[in-house]
Every structure is written in structure tokens, then in C-alpha cells.
Amino acid sequence: MKTIEERLAALEAIEEIRKLKARYAAACDDNYDADAIAALFVEDAVWDGGALGKAEGREAIRKFFRGAPKFFPFAMHNVMNPIIDVDGDRATAQWNLLQPATMAKGNQAVWLAATYHDEYVRVGGEWKFKRLTVTPRFLTTYEEGWARKPFV
């Protein structure tokens, strides 16, 4: 059985990871602030969005997000339902995303739903992303919705 100190440390880690994810969402919603986003990742991190793109390494992540506003000039990342597991200085989490956004092409309002699968490491007492994987569930126009056309 874990001691109260171990249980408290795990809860504190979970709260810090929640804050890390919230900072990520806020930076994305701030016109994809590439410097702020990159600062949340370790040097050899991976951001993997599947069909949305992939970046390996902090500088590649920064470069990727510098281009993001060209495709999505508006986004509101609503992350929810986290399942966070902490194991010492490593952790994993699954999150759901529901994101209203605007695609630059055609100035089209869209809905994006996805699942995040994240890996984290604690470096120098601070939690950072080691790997962030996005699995899209649907990306559809506002007018058509996910029941009629789940992917644009």
C-alpha cells in the first residue's frame, strides 16, 4: 500500500500535468503561439497528428506550429475527460478534444473531435510532453456535421 506522501505526490503530479495540458491548449488557441507550445516539450519530443502532420524534436514542433495558423486561423481547444497515470517521473494520459475551428481554405467553420494520447516526463521538477499523439475522430464542416460527413 502506498504511503500518504506517495499518494499526495501522485495527486500533485496529476495536477501539474493538467496545468501543462491547459497551457498547451491556451497556446494553441493564442494563434498557435509556436514558442510557447515548443517550450512545453522536451528536446527530443514528438508531436504526431497523423494526417494533420508530424514533428520530431522541439525545433521541428516549433516550426510546425508556426505554420498552423495558415491552415487553422481560429481554434478553441476544449480538452476534457483526462485519464492520467503517473509512475515516478513518467506519466501517460488520454484526453478527449472537441474543437470548433476555422479552416483558412474557404474560411470554413469546422468541428474537430479527437483523442489525445500523451506521454510526459518530469525534468528538473517540471513536467513536459515527451510525445503527444492526436487521433482524429471527425473533422467536419459546421453545416454538414459529423453524422453526414465525418471527414472533410
C-alpha atoms as a PDB file:
ATOM      1  CA  MET A   1       0.000   0.000   0.000  1.00  0.00           C
ATOM      2  CA  LYS A   2       1.254   3.472  -0.878  1.00  0.00           C
ATOM      3  CA  THR A   3       2.026   5.955   1.855  1.00  0.00           C
ATOM      4  CA  ILE A   4       0.081   9.168   2.159  1.00  0.00           C
ATOM      5  CA  GLU A   5       3.182  11.031   0.938  1.00  0.00           C
ATOM      6  CA  GLU A   6       3.336   8.856  -2.202  1.00  0.00           C
ATOM      7  CA  ARG A   7      -0.377   9.343  -2.808  1.00  0.00           C
ATOM      8  CA  LEU A   8      -0.050  13.112  -2.338  1.00  0.00           C
ATOM      9  CA  ALA A   9       2.944  13.242  -4.713  1.00  0.00           C
ATOM     10  CA  ALA A  10       0.900  11.399  -7.372  1.00  0.00           C
ATOM     11  CA  LEU A  11      -2.010  13.829  -6.973  1.00  0.00           C
ATOM     12  CA  GLU A  12       0.345  16.811  -7.222  1.00  0.00           C
ATOM     13  CA  ALA A  13       1.860  15.327 -10.391  1.00  0.00           C
ATOM     14  CA  ILE A  14      -1.594  14.827 -11.893  1.00  0.00           C
ATOM     15  CA  GLU A  15      -2.483  18.450 -11.162  1.00  0.00           C
ATOM     16  CA  GLU A  16       0.753  19.686 -12.755  1.00  0.00           C
ATOM     17  CA  ILE A  17       0.016  17.569 -15.854  1.00  0.00           C
ATOM     18  CA  ARG A  18      -3.489  19.054 -16.049  1.00  0.00           C
ATOM     19  CA  LYS A  19      -1.926  22.524 -15.967  1.00  0.00           C
ATOM     20  CA  LEU A  20       0.581  21.535 -18.655  1.00  0.00           C
ATOM     21  CA  LYS A  21      -2.241  20.398 -20.937  1.00  0.00           C
ATOM     22  CA  ALA A  22      -4.179  23.601 -20.211  1.00  0.00           C
ATOM     23  CA  ARG A  23      -1.104  25.694 -21.133  1.00  0.00           C
ATOM     24  CA  TYR A  24      -0.806  23.711 -24.372  1.00  0.00           C
ATOM     25  CA  ALA A  25      -4.471  24.369 -25.252  1.00  0.00           C
ATOM     26  CA  ALA A  26      -4.152  28.055 -24.366  1.00  0.00           C
ATOM     27  CA  ALA A  27      -1.039  28.469 -26.539  1.00  0.00           C
ATOM     28  CA  CYS A  28      -2.777  26.709 -29.437  1.00  0.00           C
ATOM     29  CA  ASP A  29      -5.790  28.990 -29.026  1.00  0.00           C
ATOM     30  CA  ASP A  30      -3.485  32.025 -28.997  1.00  0.00           C
ATOM     31  CA  ASN A  31      -2.969  31.816 -32.761  1.00  0.00           C
ATOM     32  CA  TYR A  32      -0.755  28.740 -32.270  1.00  0.00           C
ATOM     33  CA  ASP A  33       1.992  30.503 -30.314  1.00  0.00           C
ATOM     34  CA  ALA A  34       4.818  28.287 -31.578  1.00  0.00           C
ATOM     35  CA  ASP A  35       7.385  29.403 -28.993  1.00  0.00           C
ATOM     36  CA  ALA A  36       5.013  28.822 -26.076  1.00  0.00           C
ATOM     37  CA  ILE A  37       3.989  25.423 -27.461  1.00  0.00           C
ATOM     38  CA  ALA A  38       7.576  24.288 -28.102  1.00  0.00           C
ATOM     39  CA  ALA A  39       8.584  25.256 -24.542  1.00  0.00           C
ATOM     40  CA  LEU A  40       6.175  22.617 -23.206  1.00  0.00           C
ATOM     41  CA  PHE A  41       8.060  19.765 -24.905  1.00  0.00           C
ATOM     42  CA  VAL A  42      11.386  18.080 -24.122  1.00  0.00           C
ATOM     43  CA  GLU A  43      14.149  18.437 -26.700  1.00  0.00           C
ATOM     44  CA  ASP A  44      13.536  15.047 -28.388  1.00  0.00           C
ATOM     45  CA  ALA A  45       9.730  15.101 -28.140  1.00  0.00           C
ATOM     46  CA  VAL A  46       7.320  14.020 -30.864  1.00  0.00           C
ATOM     47  CA  TRP A  47       4.064  15.720 -31.857  1.00  0.00           C
ATOM     48  CA  ASP A  48       2.111  13.255 -34.016  1.00  0.00           C
ATOM     49  CA  GLY A  49      -1.174  14.383 -35.534  1.00  0.00           C
ATOM     50  CA  GLY A  50      -1.424  11.567 -38.073  1.00  0.00           C
ATOM     51  CA  ALA A  51      -2.945  13.049 -41.226  1.00  0.00           C
ATOM     52  CA  LEU A  52      -2.613  16.511 -39.641  1.00  0.00           C
ATOM     53  CA  GLY A  53       1.193  16.213 -39.626  1.00  0.00           C
ATOM     54  CA  LYS A  54       4.104  15.024 -37.514  1.00  0.00           C
ATOM     55  CA  ALA A  55       7.069  16.824 -35.970  1.00  0.00           C
ATOM     56  CA  GLU A  56      10.030  15.185 -34.249  1.00  0.00           C
ATOM     57  CA  GLY A  57      12.123  17.319 -31.896  1.00  0.00           C
ATOM     58  CA  ARG A  58      11.343  20.611 -30.176  1.00  0.00           C
ATOM     59  CA  GLU A  59      12.574  22.771 -33.067  1.00  0.00           C
ATOM     60  CA  ALA A  60      10.517  20.793 -35.590  1.00  0.00           C
ATOM     61  CA  ILE A  61       7.482  21.205 -33.311  1.00  0.00           C
ATOM     62  CA  ARG A  62       8.113  24.964 -33.180  1.00  0.00           C
ATOM     63  CA  LYS A  63       8.395  25.110 -36.990  1.00  0.00           C
ATOM     64  CA  PHE A  64       5.245  23.014 -37.443  1.00  0.00           C
ATOM     65  CA  PHE A  65       3.168  25.300 -35.228  1.00  0.00           C
ATOM     66  CA  ARG A  66       4.496  28.442 -36.892  1.00  0.00           C
ATOM     67  CA  GLY A  67       2.643  27.222 -39.986  1.00  0.00           C
ATOM     68  CA  ALA A  68      -0.546  26.109 -38.203  1.00  0.00           C
ATOM     69  CA  PRO A  69      -2.388  29.475 -38.418  1.00  0.00           C
ATOM     70  CA  LYS A  70      -2.162  29.254 -42.212  1.00  0.00           C
ATOM     71  CA  PHE A  71      -4.481  26.248 -42.031  1.00  0.00           C
ATOM     72  CA  PHE A  72      -6.469  26.949 -38.858  1.00  0.00           C
ATOM     73  CA  PRO A  73      -6.583  30.731 -38.209  1.00  0.00           C
ATOM     74  CA  PHE A  74      -9.026  30.120 -35.342  1.00  0.00           C
ATOM     75  CA  ALA A  75      -9.278  27.209 -32.917  1.00  0.00           C
ATOM     76  CA  MET A  76     -10.717  26.664 -29.462  1.00  0.00           C
ATOM     77  CA  HIS A  77      -9.243  23.532 -27.877  1.00  0.00           C
ATOM     78  CA  ASN A  78     -11.702  22.068 -25.363  1.00  0.00           C
ATOM     79  CA  VAL A  79      -9.842  19.207 -23.678  1.00  0.00           C
ATOM     80  CA  MET A  80     -11.681  17.011 -21.237  1.00  0.00           C
ATOM     81  CA  ASN A  81     -12.108  13.641 -19.527  1.00  0.00           C
ATOM     82  CA  PRO A  82      -8.451  13.024 -18.674  1.00  0.00           C
ATOM     83  CA  ILE A  83      -7.220   9.633 -17.559  1.00  0.00           C
ATOM     84  CA  ILE A  84      -3.763  10.308 -16.119  1.00  0.00           C
ATOM     85  CA  ASP A  85      -1.408   7.624 -14.826  1.00  0.00           C
ATOM     86  CA  VAL A  86       1.780   8.622 -13.013  1.00  0.00           C
ATOM     87  CA  ASP A  87       4.774   6.350 -12.481  1.00  0.00           C
ATOM     88  CA  GLY A  88       7.565   8.281 -10.786  1.00  0.00           C
ATOM     89  CA  ASP A  89       8.968  10.810 -13.254  1.00  0.00           C
ATOM     90  CA  ARG A  90       6.949   9.443 -16.165  1.00  0.00           C
ATOM     91  CA  ALA A  91       3.243   9.628 -16.895  1.00  0.00           C
ATOM     92  CA  THR A  92       0.704   8.886 -19.589  1.00  0.00           C
ATOM     93  CA  ALA A  93      -2.702  10.357 -20.262  1.00  0.00           C
ATOM     94  CA  GLN A  94      -5.661  10.148 -22.562  1.00  0.00           C
ATOM     95  CA  TRP A  95      -7.797  13.222 -23.215  1.00  0.00           C
ATOM     96  CA  ASN A  96     -10.777  13.989 -25.436  1.00  0.00           C
ATOM     97  CA  LEU A  97     -10.810  17.077 -27.642  1.00  0.00           C
ATOM     98  CA  LEU A  98     -13.808  18.907 -29.070  1.00  0.00           C
ATOM     99  CA  GLN A  99     -12.640  21.861 -31.114  1.00  0.00           C
ATOM    100  CA  PRO A 100     -14.605  24.419 -33.071  1.00  0.00           C
ATOM    101  CA  ALA A 101     -12.218  25.917 -35.594  1.00  0.00           C
ATOM    102  CA  THR A 102     -11.936  27.801 -38.851  1.00  0.00           C
ATOM    103  CA  MET A 103     -10.109  26.308 -41.803  1.00  0.00           C
ATOM    104  CA  ALA A 104      -8.368  29.019 -43.819  1.00  0.00           C
ATOM    105  CA  LYS A 105      -9.326  27.364 -47.095  1.00  0.00           C
ATOM    106  CA  GLY A 106     -12.731  28.822 -47.864  1.00  0.00           C
ATOM    107  CA  ASN A 107     -12.953  30.453 -44.419  1.00  0.00           C
ATOM    108  CA  GLN A 108     -14.849  27.293 -43.413  1.00  0.00           C
ATOM    109  CA  ALA A 109     -16.179  26.735 -39.881  1.00  0.00           C
ATOM    110  CA  VAL A 110     -15.446  23.159 -38.779  1.00  0.00           C
ATOM    111  CA  TRP A 111     -15.754  20.812 -35.845  1.00  0.00           C
ATOM    112  CA  LEU A 112     -12.815  18.621 -34.860  1.00  0.00           C
ATOM    113  CA  ALA A 113     -13.085  15.793 -32.365  1.00  0.00           C
ATOM    114  CA  ALA A 114     -10.034  13.778 -31.405  1.00  0.00           C
ATOM    115  CA  THR A 115      -8.398  11.713 -28.717  1.00  0.00           C
ATOM    116  CA  TYR A 116      -5.005  12.699 -27.336  1.00  0.00           C
ATOM    117  CA  HIS A 117      -2.596  10.036 -26.120  1.00  0.00           C
ATOM    118  CA  ASP A 118       0.209  11.804 -24.274  1.00  0.00           C
ATOM    119  CA  GLU A 119       3.464  10.726 -22.674  1.00  0.00           C
ATOM    120  CA  TYR A 120       5.144  13.003 -20.149  1.00  0.00           C
ATOM    121  CA  VAL A 121       8.443  13.183 -18.297  1.00  0.00           C
ATOM    122  CA  ARG A 122       9.451  15.241 -15.299  1.00  0.00           C
ATOM    123  CA  VAL A 123      12.699  17.094 -15.946  1.00  0.00           C
ATOM    124  CA  GLY A 124      14.216  19.286 -13.261  1.00  0.00           C
ATOM    125  CA  GLY A 125      10.981  19.073 -11.281  1.00  0.00           C
ATOM    126  CA  GLU A 126       8.861  20.243 -14.247  1.00  0.00           C
ATOM    127  CA  TRP A 127       6.503  18.105 -16.330  1.00  0.00           C
ATOM    128  CA  LYS A 128       6.943  18.254 -20.116  1.00  0.00           C
ATOM    129  CA  PHE A 129       5.475  16.460 -23.101  1.00  0.00           C
ATOM    130  CA  LYS A 130       7.591  13.562 -24.368  1.00  0.00           C
ATOM    131  CA  ARG A 131       5.075  12.507 -27.019  1.00  0.00           C
ATOM    132  CA  LEU A 132       1.685  13.910 -27.960  1.00  0.00           C
ATOM    133  CA  THR A 133      -0.397  11.834 -30.363  1.00  0.00           C
ATOM    134  CA  VAL A 134      -3.669  13.104 -31.835  1.00  0.00           C
ATOM    135  CA  THR A 135      -6.166  10.572 -33.183  1.00  0.00           C
ATOM    136  CA  PRO A 136      -8.901  12.436 -35.090  1.00  0.00           C
ATOM    137  CA  ARG A 137     -12.446  11.100 -34.649  1.00  0.00           C
ATOM    138  CA  PHE A 138     -14.015  13.569 -37.048  1.00  0.00           C
ATOM    139  CA  LEU A 139     -13.239  16.819 -38.842  1.00  0.00           C
ATOM    140  CA  THR A 140     -16.377  18.116 -40.456  1.00  0.00           C
ATOM    141  CA  THR A 141     -17.955  21.319 -41.646  1.00  0.00           C
ATOM    142  CA  TYR A 142     -20.178  23.168 -39.242  1.00  0.00           C
ATOM    143  CA  GLU A 143     -23.090  22.988 -41.703  1.00  0.00           C
ATOM    144  CA  GLU A 144     -22.884  19.262 -42.505  1.00  0.00           C
ATOM    145  CA  GLY A 145     -21.877  17.918 -39.110  1.00  0.00           C
ATOM    146  CA  TRP A 146     -20.269  14.613 -38.208  1.00  0.00           C
ATOM    147  CA  ALA A 147     -23.342  12.473 -38.931  1.00  0.00           C
ATOM    148  CA  ARG A 148     -23.476  13.457 -42.601  1.00  0.00           C
ATOM    149  CA  LYS A 149     -19.803  13.900 -43.404  1.00  0.00           C
ATOM    150  CA  PRO A 150     -17.325  12.906 -40.665  1.00  0.00           C
ATOM    151  CA  PHE A 151     -14.211  13.979 -42.610  1.00  0.00           C
ATOM    152  CA  VAL A 152     -13.659  16.918 -44.991  1.00  0.00           C
END
